Each structure stands twice: as structure tokens, then as C-alpha cells.
Amino acid sequence: MTDLVIRPLAAGEETLFESLPDPGLVGFAAFGDTYGAMAAAGEYRPEWTWVALRDGVVVARAAWWAGPEDDKPLALDWFDFTDAGAGVELLRTSPLRAEYSLKLPPGWRDVPAVREQARARIDAAVAAGLTPLVERFRYRWTPECGVPARPGRLEFRPEPDDAAVLDVFRRIHQGSLDAHVRRTVARSGLEAAAREQLDYLLWLPSPREWWRLAYDSAGDLVGLSVPGRHYGDPLIGYIGVVPEHRGHGYAYDLLVEATHKLAGEGVDGIVAGTDQANTPMAAHFARAGYPIAQERVDLIWP
């Protein structure tokens, strides 16, 4: 068998990347996206887009994503192949080590062809050395969903001091149900998890002044609500309740407030996400009228 050639793309080789046949059942292709259009919009860079070729034919490919100002990729979100072994070797050979996020249609396990395509990618990633971390729901609200009424239980105030918000994250991350937070806390401690969350929100290209701390009628801090904007979509950047106020459904109030802010900006859609195991938050999204648009499986390097 001819040896594999594994390398990044050169500038202008987008058509080479797109030459691999794709049934369009999982990943970006399942949602109508193409690599060429995303690369033209600046979503991908040639040096972070890799192919495996045999006799000049692409048999595996992977593309890593980052924001326009980032100096390293933040996520592997395009990975497929016609040769599973070549896919494994591509991930092992590439020096890029970002988390792999596989986008899937809702209920993907219920359709055999879709389940087969998903399992093939997950199995290849695991064979390359990654480990499944969490499955998530991705929501997409549109104006047709309606803006939920504010419960009126909380007062929302801006907080311009990043140090104060960092302290709120220290409190919220205690006992968090979020798998990424729990992993960071276990690996690096509560302080690192709080800093990681703050850095992510500061990284978003949306106004810092949108962030709101929420207080109850007694003036006690309840949580944090952050509407935001990613490079592609408006989004619910963060919803979190401090431990002593959990169990009262306040995360719903925070979600509604963020929805009102973004709807007031005239957006045509809002994306959001939560771990599937975080059933309280999933219930809040359902109550607020956020339909599930995608599922996602996240895998990480050790």
C-alpha cells in the first residue's frame, strides 16, 4: 500500500480539502456548511488545516478553528475520512492538540446511518489518543420562539470590575455540574477554573458592559448573566448561580434576562448550550422556548 502523505494545506488548496466525499450526515456538512465558504470567511487557516493523501487522493482531513486574533487553534471541529486508519494517523501526526467537538443532529443515535458516521469519527479520535469528555445540547432561539416574560424576582446590575466577577466565578464553580469546569477544577484548581471562564468571556467580541450580576430582594448576590456575541452568532455566554441560592430556579431568571438583552439588540437568533447531564439547565432552556438545534460530543487530549 502506498505510504500516506500527511501535511497542512498550502494557501489556495481549499478544493483539495473539499475533494473528500462526505455523505453530509454529521459534522458541519449535516447543517449545510462547507469548508470553502467557512475558510473564505476566515474561519480556518491553511496551516491549521491538514490532509492525509494516498497517491494524491485525500483519504482523511481535519480542520482546527480559532478566532481571528488567536495565535493557536482552539478547537478541532472538522474531521472525517474514507480511511479510518489514515484519520487516526493524521490526528497523531499533526502537532495541533485542541479539543475535538463533533456536531451532530438531534437524536443522532436513532438513525443507523448517522450513528455509524458519528461512531466512526469518535472511534478514530479515541484510537488517536483522545478521550470523550461530555455530550452537550446546542440550542438556537429565534424571534418566532417568543421572548419569555421576566419573572421579576431579581435585580440586575452591571459590574465593570473584572476582579469582582472573578470572585463570583470562584463561588459559582463550587459544585458546578459543567464537565469542562469540573475537569479544570480537578486538574488545576478552583482559581484556574475561575480565570479560564473569565478569560473566555473577555475573549468574546461583544460588549463587556452587557454582563450583569443578579441580586435578590434582600440584596444578596444570586448569580451572573452574560449575553454575548461569538464571531458567528449572538449567544448566551454564561449563566451561573452561587451555591447558596441553587434550587430555586434562578438560572431561568438569568437566562430570560440575557434573552431580553439580545432580543432588544434586534438579533435574528441566539445560540446557547449546556451539558446533557445538566438536566436543570436543560429544563430552563426548554421552558424559555429554546429548541435543541444540535447535539455535540466533546473529546479531549489527556
C-alpha atoms as a PDB file:
ATOM      1  CA  MET A   1       0.000   0.000   0.000  1.00  0.00           C
ATOM      2  CA  THR A   2       1.252   3.455  -0.894  1.00  0.00           C
ATOM      3  CA  ASP A   3       2.576   5.448   2.051  1.00  0.00           C
ATOM      4  CA  LEU A   4       0.434   8.226   3.445  1.00  0.00           C
ATOM      5  CA  VAL A   5       1.444  11.829   2.958  1.00  0.00           C
ATOM      6  CA  ILE A   6       0.168  13.892   5.906  1.00  0.00           C
ATOM      7  CA  ARG A   7       0.570  17.645   5.727  1.00  0.00           C
ATOM      8  CA  PRO A   8      -1.154  21.012   6.215  1.00  0.00           C
ATOM      9  CA  LEU A   9      -2.761  22.736   3.269  1.00  0.00           C
ATOM     10  CA  ALA A  10      -0.929  25.315   1.264  1.00  0.00           C
ATOM     11  CA  ALA A  11      -2.737  28.575   0.549  1.00  0.00           C
ATOM     12  CA  GLY A  12      -5.264  28.125  -2.245  1.00  0.00           C
ATOM     13  CA  GLU A  13      -5.747  24.379  -1.724  1.00  0.00           C
ATOM     14  CA  GLU A  14      -9.317  24.607  -0.415  1.00  0.00           C
ATOM     15  CA  THR A  15     -10.592  22.489  -3.313  1.00  0.00           C
ATOM     16  CA  LEU A  16      -8.165  19.724  -2.319  1.00  0.00           C
ATOM     17  CA  PHE A  17      -9.658  19.645   1.161  1.00  0.00           C
ATOM     18  CA  GLU A  18     -13.167  19.505  -0.298  1.00  0.00           C
ATOM     19  CA  SER A  19     -12.320  16.636  -2.673  1.00  0.00           C
ATOM     20  CA  LEU A  20     -13.010  14.009   0.008  1.00  0.00           C
ATOM     21  CA  PRO A  21     -16.569  12.664  -0.431  1.00  0.00           C
ATOM     22  CA  ASP A  22     -18.877  13.367   2.531  1.00  0.00           C
ATOM     23  CA  PRO A  23     -22.404  11.951   2.940  1.00  0.00           C
ATOM     24  CA  GLY A  24     -23.333  15.029   4.985  1.00  0.00           C
ATOM     25  CA  LEU A  25     -24.815  13.150   7.935  1.00  0.00           C
ATOM     26  CA  VAL A  26     -22.717  14.546  10.796  1.00  0.00           C
ATOM     27  CA  GLY A  27     -20.362  17.442  11.414  1.00  0.00           C
ATOM     28  CA  PHE A  28     -20.699  20.799   9.694  1.00  0.00           C
ATOM     29  CA  ALA A  29     -21.878  19.194   6.445  1.00  0.00           C
ATOM     30  CA  ALA A  30     -25.012  17.946   8.211  1.00  0.00           C
ATOM     31  CA  PHE A  31     -26.008  21.574   8.759  1.00  0.00           C
ATOM     32  CA  GLY A  32     -25.305  22.883   5.261  1.00  0.00           C
ATOM     33  CA  ASP A  33     -21.845  24.348   5.881  1.00  0.00           C
ATOM     34  CA  THR A  34     -18.916  23.922   3.506  1.00  0.00           C
ATOM     35  CA  TYR A  35     -15.227  24.191   4.227  1.00  0.00           C
ATOM     36  CA  GLY A  36     -14.684  26.551   1.307  1.00  0.00           C
ATOM     37  CA  ALA A  37     -17.266  29.059   2.482  1.00  0.00           C
ATOM     38  CA  MET A  38     -16.060  28.906   6.082  1.00  0.00           C
ATOM     39  CA  ALA A  39     -12.416  29.306   5.054  1.00  0.00           C
ATOM     40  CA  ALA A  40     -13.322  32.268   2.837  1.00  0.00           C
ATOM     41  CA  ALA A  41     -14.995  33.866   5.862  1.00  0.00           C
ATOM     42  CA  GLY A  42     -11.792  33.459   7.886  1.00  0.00           C
ATOM     43  CA  GLU A  43     -12.993  30.528   9.988  1.00  0.00           C
ATOM     44  CA  TYR A  44      -9.992  28.353   9.060  1.00  0.00           C
ATOM     45  CA  ARG A  45      -6.352  28.911   8.184  1.00  0.00           C
ATOM     46  CA  PRO A  46      -4.323  26.727   5.779  1.00  0.00           C
ATOM     47  CA  GLU A  47      -1.608  25.952   8.338  1.00  0.00           C
ATOM     48  CA  TRP A  48      -4.249  24.599  10.748  1.00  0.00           C
ATOM     49  CA  THR A  49      -5.977  22.515   8.073  1.00  0.00           C
ATOM     50  CA  TRP A  50      -4.443  19.080   7.474  1.00  0.00           C
ATOM     51  CA  VAL A  51      -4.962  16.326   4.934  1.00  0.00           C
ATOM     52  CA  ALA A  52      -3.785  12.739   4.553  1.00  0.00           C
ATOM     53  CA  LEU A  53      -3.188  11.730   0.946  1.00  0.00           C
ATOM     54  CA  ARG A  54      -2.564   8.388  -0.715  1.00  0.00           C
ATOM     55  CA  ASP A  55      -1.488   8.565  -4.383  1.00  0.00           C
ATOM     56  CA  GLY A  56      -2.508  12.218  -4.332  1.00  0.00           C
ATOM     57  CA  VAL A  57      -6.060  11.446  -3.185  1.00  0.00           C
ATOM     58  CA  VAL A  58      -7.363  12.844   0.097  1.00  0.00           C
ATOM     59  CA  VAL A  59      -8.367   9.971   2.384  1.00  0.00           C
ATOM     60  CA  ALA A  60      -8.609  11.931   5.665  1.00  0.00           C
ATOM     61  CA  ARG A  61      -8.852  15.582   6.636  1.00  0.00           C
ATOM     62  CA  ALA A  62      -9.039  17.761   9.736  1.00  0.00           C
ATOM     63  CA  ALA A  63      -9.508  21.483  10.313  1.00  0.00           C
ATOM     64  CA  TRP A  64      -8.845  23.371  13.540  1.00  0.00           C
ATOM     65  CA  TRP A  65     -10.664  26.616  14.365  1.00  0.00           C
ATOM     66  CA  ALA A  66      -9.608  29.812  16.152  1.00  0.00           C
ATOM     67  CA  GLY A  67     -10.695  33.419  16.372  1.00  0.00           C
ATOM     68  CA  PRO A  68      -9.064  35.967  14.060  1.00  0.00           C
ATOM     69  CA  GLU A  69      -6.756  37.283  16.794  1.00  0.00           C
ATOM     70  CA  ASP A  70      -5.737  33.902  18.239  1.00  0.00           C
ATOM     71  CA  ASP A  71      -2.226  32.534  17.815  1.00  0.00           C
ATOM     72  CA  LYS A  72      -3.167  28.875  18.240  1.00  0.00           C
ATOM     73  CA  PRO A  73      -6.253  26.800  17.337  1.00  0.00           C
ATOM     74  CA  LEU A  74      -8.963  26.493  19.973  1.00  0.00           C
ATOM     75  CA  ALA A  75     -10.962  23.548  18.623  1.00  0.00           C
ATOM     76  CA  LEU A  76     -10.834  20.700  16.139  1.00  0.00           C
ATOM     77  CA  ASP A  77     -14.301  20.791  14.621  1.00  0.00           C
ATOM     78  CA  TRP A  78     -13.906  19.253  11.157  1.00  0.00           C
ATOM     79  CA  PHE A  79     -12.598  15.690  10.982  1.00  0.00           C
ATOM     80  CA  ASP A  80     -13.571  12.940   8.559  1.00  0.00           C
ATOM     81  CA  PHE A  81     -12.087  10.291   6.295  1.00  0.00           C
ATOM     82  CA  THR A  82     -12.663   7.496   3.828  1.00  0.00           C
ATOM     83  CA  ASP A  83      -9.866   5.512   5.511  1.00  0.00           C
ATOM     84  CA  ALA A  84     -10.223   5.320   9.295  1.00  0.00           C
ATOM     85  CA  GLY A  85      -6.592   4.327   9.786  1.00  0.00           C
ATOM     86  CA  ALA A  86      -5.490   7.398   7.861  1.00  0.00           C
ATOM     87  CA  GLY A  87      -7.727   9.534  10.065  1.00  0.00           C
ATOM     88  CA  VAL A  88      -6.063   8.133  13.175  1.00  0.00           C
ATOM     89  CA  GLU A  89      -2.592   8.752  11.749  1.00  0.00           C
ATOM     90  CA  LEU A  90      -3.495  12.296  10.744  1.00  0.00           C
ATOM     91  CA  LEU A  91      -4.509  13.207  14.307  1.00  0.00           C
ATOM     92  CA  ARG A  92      -1.431  11.510  15.735  1.00  0.00           C
ATOM     93  CA  THR A  93       0.904  13.210  13.261  1.00  0.00           C
ATOM     94  CA  SER A  94      -0.435  16.742  13.455  1.00  0.00           C
ATOM     95  CA  PRO A  95       1.160  18.754  16.293  1.00  0.00           C
ATOM     96  CA  LEU A  96      -2.181  20.502  16.982  1.00  0.00           C
ATOM     97  CA  ARG A  97      -3.827  19.404  20.230  1.00  0.00           C
ATOM     98  CA  ALA A  98      -7.135  21.223  20.667  1.00  0.00           C
ATOM     99  CA  GLU A  99     -10.376  19.698  21.928  1.00  0.00           C
ATOM    100  CA  TYR A 100     -12.421  17.847  19.304  1.00  0.00           C
ATOM    101  CA  SER A 101     -16.078  18.895  19.071  1.00  0.00           C
ATOM    102  CA  LEU A 102     -18.269  16.739  16.838  1.00  0.00           C
ATOM    103  CA  LYS A 103     -21.528  18.397  15.794  1.00  0.00           C
ATOM    104  CA  LEU A 104     -24.480  16.025  15.455  1.00  0.00           C
ATOM    105  CA  PRO A 105     -28.164  16.275  14.548  1.00  0.00           C
ATOM    106  CA  PRO A 106     -30.635  15.902  17.437  1.00  0.00           C
ATOM    107  CA  GLY A 107     -31.436  12.272  18.186  1.00  0.00           C
ATOM    108  CA  TRP A 108     -28.407  11.093  16.209  1.00  0.00           C
ATOM    109  CA  ARG A 109     -28.345   7.682  17.852  1.00  0.00           C
ATOM    110  CA  ASP A 110     -31.823   6.887  16.498  1.00  0.00           C
ATOM    111  CA  VAL A 111     -30.773   6.886  12.821  1.00  0.00           C
ATOM    112  CA  PRO A 112     -28.424   3.972  11.993  1.00  0.00           C
ATOM    113  CA  ALA A 113     -26.540   5.705   9.161  1.00  0.00           C
ATOM    114  CA  VAL A 114     -25.989   8.821  11.256  1.00  0.00           C
ATOM    115  CA  ARG A 115     -24.977   6.787  14.293  1.00  0.00           C
ATOM    116  CA  GLU A 116     -22.466   4.839  12.163  1.00  0.00           C
ATOM    117  CA  GLN A 117     -20.849   8.010  10.841  1.00  0.00           C
ATOM    118  CA  ALA A 118     -20.646   9.515  14.341  1.00  0.00           C
ATOM    119  CA  ARG A 119     -19.211   6.376  15.905  1.00  0.00           C
ATOM    120  CA  ALA A 120     -16.563   6.120  13.174  1.00  0.00           C
ATOM    121  CA  ARG A 121     -15.270   9.612  13.945  1.00  0.00           C
ATOM    122  CA  ILE A 122     -15.420   9.142  17.706  1.00  0.00           C
ATOM    123  CA  ASP A 123     -13.668   5.757  17.489  1.00  0.00           C
ATOM    124  CA  ALA A 124     -10.911   7.176  15.278  1.00  0.00           C
ATOM    125  CA  ALA A 125     -10.362  10.093  17.664  1.00  0.00           C
ATOM    126  CA  VAL A 126     -10.164   7.700  20.612  1.00  0.00           C
ATOM    127  CA  ALA A 127      -7.711   5.484  18.719  1.00  0.00           C
ATOM    128  CA  ALA A 128      -5.569   8.588  18.135  1.00  0.00           C
ATOM    129  CA  GLY A 129      -5.448   9.269  21.872  1.00  0.00           C
ATOM    130  CA  LEU A 130      -8.431  11.476  22.714  1.00  0.00           C
ATOM    131  CA  THR A 131     -10.962  10.723  25.453  1.00  0.00           C
ATOM    132  CA  PRO A 132     -14.700  11.525  25.429  1.00  0.00           C
ATOM    133  CA  LEU A 133     -15.474  14.242  27.988  1.00  0.00           C
ATOM    134  CA  VAL A 134     -19.121  15.232  27.624  1.00  0.00           C
ATOM    135  CA  GLU A 135     -22.170  15.300  25.387  1.00  0.00           C
ATOM    136  CA  ARG A 136     -23.946  18.624  25.028  1.00  0.00           C
ATOM    137  CA  PHE A 137     -27.115  20.181  23.674  1.00  0.00           C
ATOM    138  CA  ARG A 138     -26.863  23.226  21.414  1.00  0.00           C
ATOM    139  CA  TYR A 139     -29.914  25.469  21.235  1.00  0.00           C
ATOM    140  CA  ARG A 140     -30.952  28.132  18.757  1.00  0.00           C
ATOM    141  CA  TRP A 141     -33.581  30.703  19.713  1.00  0.00           C
ATOM    142  CA  THR A 142     -35.220  32.830  17.021  1.00  0.00           C
ATOM    143  CA  PRO A 143     -37.773  35.638  17.388  1.00  0.00           C
ATOM    144  CA  GLU A 144     -40.503  33.193  16.359  1.00  0.00           C
ATOM    145  CA  CYS A 145     -39.850  31.356  19.639  1.00  0.00           C
ATOM    146  CA  GLY A 146     -41.053  34.406  21.572  1.00  0.00           C
ATOM    147  CA  VAL A 147     -39.321  36.358  24.308  1.00  0.00           C
ATOM    148  CA  PRO A 148     -40.176  34.816  27.703  1.00  0.00           C
ATOM    149  CA  ALA A 149     -41.607  37.121  30.360  1.00  0.00           C
ATOM    150  CA  ARG A 150     -39.245  38.282  33.083  1.00  0.00           C
ATOM    151  CA  PRO A 151     -40.090  36.585  36.413  1.00  0.00           C
ATOM    152  CA  GLY A 152     -39.283  39.834  38.226  1.00  0.00           C
ATOM    153  CA  ARG A 153     -37.600  38.178  41.203  1.00  0.00           C
ATOM    154  CA  LEU A 154     -34.114  39.618  40.722  1.00  0.00           C
ATOM    155  CA  GLU A 155     -32.380  42.946  40.255  1.00  0.00           C
ATOM    156  CA  PHE A 156     -29.679  43.056  37.584  1.00  0.00           C
ATOM    157  CA  ARG A 157     -26.701  45.369  37.916  1.00  0.00           C
ATOM    158  CA  PRO A 158     -23.600  45.923  35.774  1.00  0.00           C
ATOM    159  CA  GLU A 159     -20.248  45.078  37.321  1.00  0.00           C
ATOM    160  CA  PRO A 160     -17.297  46.640  35.475  1.00  0.00           C
ATOM    161  CA  ASP A 161     -14.645  45.251  37.846  1.00  0.00           C
ATOM    162  CA  ASP A 162     -13.147  42.043  36.422  1.00  0.00           C
ATOM    163  CA  ALA A 163     -11.729  41.152  39.841  1.00  0.00           C
ATOM    164  CA  ALA A 164     -15.242  41.201  41.314  1.00  0.00           C
ATOM    165  CA  VAL A 165     -16.523  38.963  38.523  1.00  0.00           C
ATOM    166  CA  LEU A 166     -13.584  36.600  39.033  1.00  0.00           C
ATOM    167  CA  ASP A 167     -14.628  36.246  42.666  1.00  0.00           C
ATOM    168  CA  VAL A 168     -18.162  35.408  41.530  1.00  0.00           C
ATOM    169  CA  PHE A 169     -16.753  32.635  39.349  1.00  0.00           C
ATOM    170  CA  ARG A 170     -14.845  31.259  42.339  1.00  0.00           C
ATOM    171  CA  ARG A 171     -18.177  30.925  44.130  1.00  0.00           C
ATOM    172  CA  ILE A 172     -20.241  29.626  41.188  1.00  0.00           C
ATOM    173  CA  HIS A 173     -17.727  26.953  40.198  1.00  0.00           C
ATOM    174  CA  GLN A 174     -18.043  25.249  43.575  1.00  0.00           C
ATOM    175  CA  GLY A 175     -20.185  22.192  42.917  1.00  0.00           C
ATOM    176  CA  SER A 176     -20.631  23.033  39.226  1.00  0.00           C
ATOM    177  CA  LEU A 177     -22.371  20.460  37.002  1.00  0.00           C
ATOM    178  CA  ASP A 178     -20.399  21.594  33.934  1.00  0.00           C
ATOM    179  CA  ALA A 179     -17.960  18.889  32.794  1.00  0.00           C
ATOM    180  CA  HIS A 180     -15.360  21.333  31.470  1.00  0.00           C
ATOM    181  CA  VAL A 181     -15.373  23.301  34.726  1.00  0.00           C
ATOM    182  CA  ARG A 182     -15.157  20.134  36.812  1.00  0.00           C
ATOM    183  CA  ARG A 183     -12.218  18.910  34.751  1.00  0.00           C
ATOM    184  CA  THR A 184     -10.314  22.179  35.162  1.00  0.00           C
ATOM    185  CA  VAL A 185     -11.026  22.278  38.904  1.00  0.00           C
ATOM    186  CA  ALA A 186      -9.827  18.677  39.300  1.00  0.00           C
ATOM    187  CA  ARG A 187      -6.725  19.252  37.191  1.00  0.00           C
ATOM    188  CA  SER A 188      -5.682  22.786  38.133  1.00  0.00           C
ATOM    189  CA  GLY A 189      -7.882  24.024  40.974  1.00  0.00           C
ATOM    190  CA  LEU A 190     -10.771  26.407  41.512  1.00  0.00           C
ATOM    191  CA  GLU A 191      -8.730  29.538  40.813  1.00  0.00           C
ATOM    192  CA  ALA A 192      -7.678  28.245  37.383  1.00  0.00           C
ATOM    193  CA  ALA A 193     -11.270  27.351  36.514  1.00  0.00           C
ATOM    194  CA  ALA A 194     -12.487  30.820  37.510  1.00  0.00           C
ATOM    195  CA  ARG A 195      -9.752  32.516  35.496  1.00  0.00           C
ATOM    196  CA  GLU A 196     -10.421  30.298  32.470  1.00  0.00           C
ATOM    197  CA  GLN A 197     -14.102  31.272  32.462  1.00  0.00           C
ATOM    198  CA  LEU A 198     -13.367  34.978  32.834  1.00  0.00           C
ATOM    199  CA  ASP A 199     -10.768  34.858  30.062  1.00  0.00           C
ATOM    200  CA  TYR A 200     -13.265  33.179  27.734  1.00  0.00           C
ATOM    201  CA  LEU A 201     -15.906  35.851  28.310  1.00  0.00           C
ATOM    202  CA  LEU A 202     -13.350  38.627  27.815  1.00  0.00           C
ATOM    203  CA  TRP A 203     -12.277  36.904  24.581  1.00  0.00           C
ATOM    204  CA  LEU A 204     -15.785  37.169  23.112  1.00  0.00           C
ATOM    205  CA  PRO A 205     -16.119  40.074  20.619  1.00  0.00           C
ATOM    206  CA  SER A 206     -19.162  41.519  22.404  1.00  0.00           C
ATOM    207  CA  PRO A 207     -19.554  44.476  24.781  1.00  0.00           C
ATOM    208  CA  ARG A 208     -18.229  43.950  28.303  1.00  0.00           C
ATOM    209  CA  GLU A 209     -20.984  46.229  29.603  1.00  0.00           C
ATOM    210  CA  TRP A 210     -23.644  43.625  28.757  1.00  0.00           C
ATOM    211  CA  TRP A 211     -22.630  41.491  31.747  1.00  0.00           C
ATOM    212  CA  ARG A 212     -24.993  41.554  34.738  1.00  0.00           C
ATOM    213  CA  LEU A 213     -24.796  40.395  38.332  1.00  0.00           C
ATOM    214  CA  ALA A 214     -28.172  39.390  39.790  1.00  0.00           C
ATOM    215  CA  TYR A 215     -29.353  40.153  43.339  1.00  0.00           C
ATOM    216  CA  ASP A 216     -32.428  39.064  45.293  1.00  0.00           C
ATOM    217  CA  SER A 217     -34.787  41.358  47.218  1.00  0.00           C
ATOM    218  CA  ALA A 218     -32.517  41.160  50.290  1.00  0.00           C
ATOM    219  CA  GLY A 219     -29.552  42.392  48.247  1.00  0.00           C
ATOM    220  CA  ASP A 220     -27.738  39.047  48.244  1.00  0.00           C
ATOM    221  CA  LEU A 221     -25.789  38.025  45.160  1.00  0.00           C
ATOM    222  CA  VAL A 222     -27.614  35.266  43.266  1.00  0.00           C
ATOM    223  CA  GLY A 223     -25.576  34.829  40.098  1.00  0.00           C
ATOM    224  CA  LEU A 224     -24.212  36.084  36.811  1.00  0.00           C
ATOM    225  CA  SER A 225     -25.917  36.522  33.431  1.00  0.00           C
ATOM    226  CA  VAL A 226     -23.807  37.189  30.332  1.00  0.00           C
ATOM    227  CA  PRO A 227     -25.386  37.726  26.927  1.00  0.00           C
ATOM    228  CA  GLY A 228     -22.724  37.923  24.280  1.00  0.00           C
ATOM    229  CA  ARG A 229     -21.701  37.514  20.695  1.00  0.00           C
ATOM    230  CA  HIS A 230     -19.356  34.930  19.224  1.00  0.00           C
ATOM    231  CA  TYR A 231     -17.611  35.522  15.912  1.00  0.00           C
ATOM    232  CA  GLY A 232     -20.568  33.870  14.212  1.00  0.00           C
ATOM    233  CA  ASP A 233     -23.675  34.305  16.349  1.00  0.00           C
ATOM    234  CA  PRO A 234     -25.179  36.112  19.328  1.00  0.00           C
ATOM    235  CA  LEU A 235     -25.103  33.696  22.245  1.00  0.00           C
ATOM    236  CA  ILE A 236     -25.823  33.077  25.888  1.00  0.00           C
ATOM    237  CA  GLY A 237     -22.249  33.441  27.054  1.00  0.00           C
ATOM    238  CA  TYR A 238     -22.738  32.370  30.644  1.00  0.00           C
ATOM    239  CA  ILE A 239     -25.425  31.599  33.229  1.00  0.00           C
ATOM    240  CA  GLY A 240     -24.430  30.710  36.788  1.00  0.00           C
ATOM    241  CA  VAL A 241     -25.921  30.701  40.287  1.00  0.00           C
ATOM    242  CA  VAL A 242     -23.911  30.802  43.535  1.00  0.00           C
ATOM    243  CA  PRO A 243     -24.244  27.625  45.646  1.00  0.00           C
ATOM    244  CA  GLU A 244     -26.323  29.114  48.463  1.00  0.00           C
ATOM    245  CA  HIS A 245     -29.074  30.169  46.044  1.00  0.00           C
ATOM    246  CA  ARG A 246     -29.361  26.990  43.989  1.00  0.00           C
ATOM    247  CA  GLY A 247     -32.576  25.013  43.966  1.00  0.00           C
ATOM    248  CA  HIS A 248     -34.874  28.000  43.408  1.00  0.00           C
ATOM    249  CA  GLY A 249     -34.842  28.086  39.608  1.00  0.00           C
ATOM    250  CA  TYR A 250     -32.885  31.317  39.435  1.00  0.00           C
ATOM    251  CA  ALA A 251     -30.914  30.130  36.402  1.00  0.00           C
ATOM    252  CA  TYR A 252     -34.143  30.575  34.444  1.00  0.00           C
ATOM    253  CA  ASP A 253     -34.351  34.222  35.525  1.00  0.00           C
ATOM    254  CA  LEU A 254     -30.751  34.770  34.422  1.00  0.00           C
ATOM    255  CA  LEU A 255     -31.421  33.119  31.050  1.00  0.00           C
ATOM    256  CA  VAL A 256     -34.527  35.230  30.479  1.00  0.00           C
ATOM    257  CA  GLU A 257     -32.624  38.431  31.265  1.00  0.00           C
ATOM    258  CA  ALA A 258     -29.884  37.570  28.771  1.00  0.00           C
ATOM    259  CA  THR A 259     -32.504  36.700  26.158  1.00  0.00           C
ATOM    260  CA  HIS A 260     -34.229  40.055  26.651  1.00  0.00           C
ATOM    261  CA  LYS A 261     -30.949  41.908  26.211  1.00  0.00           C
ATOM    262  CA  LEU A 262     -30.067  40.191  22.955  1.00  0.00           C
ATOM    263  CA  ALA A 263     -33.627  40.348  21.610  1.00  0.00           C
ATOM    264  CA  GLY A 264     -33.568  44.070  22.359  1.00  0.00           C
ATOM    265  CA  GLU A 265     -30.471  44.333  20.166  1.00  0.00           C
ATOM    266  CA  GLY A 266     -32.584  43.075  17.258  1.00  0.00           C
ATOM    267  CA  VAL A 267     -30.739  39.780  16.723  1.00  0.00           C
ATOM    268  CA  ASP A 268     -32.268  37.167  14.412  1.00  0.00           C
ATOM    269  CA  GLY A 269     -31.046  34.251  16.505  1.00  0.00           C
ATOM    270  CA  ILE A 270     -29.324  33.289  19.766  1.00  0.00           C
ATOM    271  CA  VAL A 271     -27.265  30.150  20.291  1.00  0.00           C
ATOM    272  CA  ALA A 272     -26.668  28.512  23.644  1.00  0.00           C
ATOM    273  CA  GLY A 273     -25.510  25.227  25.076  1.00  0.00           C
ATOM    274  CA  THR A 274     -25.412  23.021  28.145  1.00  0.00           C
ATOM    275  CA  ASP A 275     -24.188  19.577  29.118  1.00  0.00           C
ATOM    276  CA  GLN A 276     -26.842  16.938  28.584  1.00  0.00           C
ATOM    277  CA  ALA A 277     -26.268  15.740  32.154  1.00  0.00           C
ATOM    278  CA  ASN A 278     -27.130  19.220  33.462  1.00  0.00           C
ATOM    279  CA  THR A 279     -30.842  18.466  33.483  1.00  0.00           C
ATOM    280  CA  PRO A 280     -31.876  21.568  35.492  1.00  0.00           C
ATOM    281  CA  MET A 281     -30.324  23.908  32.929  1.00  0.00           C
ATOM    282  CA  ALA A 282     -31.728  21.881  30.023  1.00  0.00           C
ATOM    283  CA  ALA A 283     -35.178  22.272  31.595  1.00  0.00           C
ATOM    284  CA  HIS A 284     -34.691  26.043  31.852  1.00  0.00           C
ATOM    285  CA  PHE A 285     -33.819  26.281  28.162  1.00  0.00           C
ATOM    286  CA  ALA A 286     -36.911  24.274  27.255  1.00  0.00           C
ATOM    287  CA  ARG A 287     -39.115  26.483  29.455  1.00  0.00           C
ATOM    288  CA  ALA A 288     -37.659  29.642  27.894  1.00  0.00           C
ATOM    289  CA  GLY A 289     -38.524  28.397  24.399  1.00  0.00           C
ATOM    290  CA  TYR A 290     -35.058  27.418  23.201  1.00  0.00           C
ATOM    291  CA  PRO A 291     -35.312  24.423  20.820  1.00  0.00           C
ATOM    292  CA  ILE A 292     -32.455  21.931  20.515  1.00  0.00           C
ATOM    293  CA  ALA A 293     -30.750  22.541  17.177  1.00  0.00           C
ATOM    294  CA  GLN A 294     -27.756  20.217  17.540  1.00  0.00           C
ATOM    295  CA  GLU A 295     -26.086  17.754  19.826  1.00  0.00           C
ATOM    296  CA  ARG A 296     -22.339  17.665  20.342  1.00  0.00           C
ATOM    297  CA  VAL A 297     -19.718  15.247  21.609  1.00  0.00           C
ATOM    298  CA  ASP A 298     -16.534  16.779  23.056  1.00  0.00           C
ATOM    299  CA  LEU A 299     -13.313  14.760  23.242  1.00  0.00           C
ATOM    300  CA  ILE A 300     -10.082  15.896  24.860  1.00  0.00           C
ATOM    301  CA  TRP A 301      -6.395  15.040  24.829  1.00  0.00           C
ATOM    302  CA  PRO A 302      -5.031  13.704  28.131  1.00  0.00           C
END
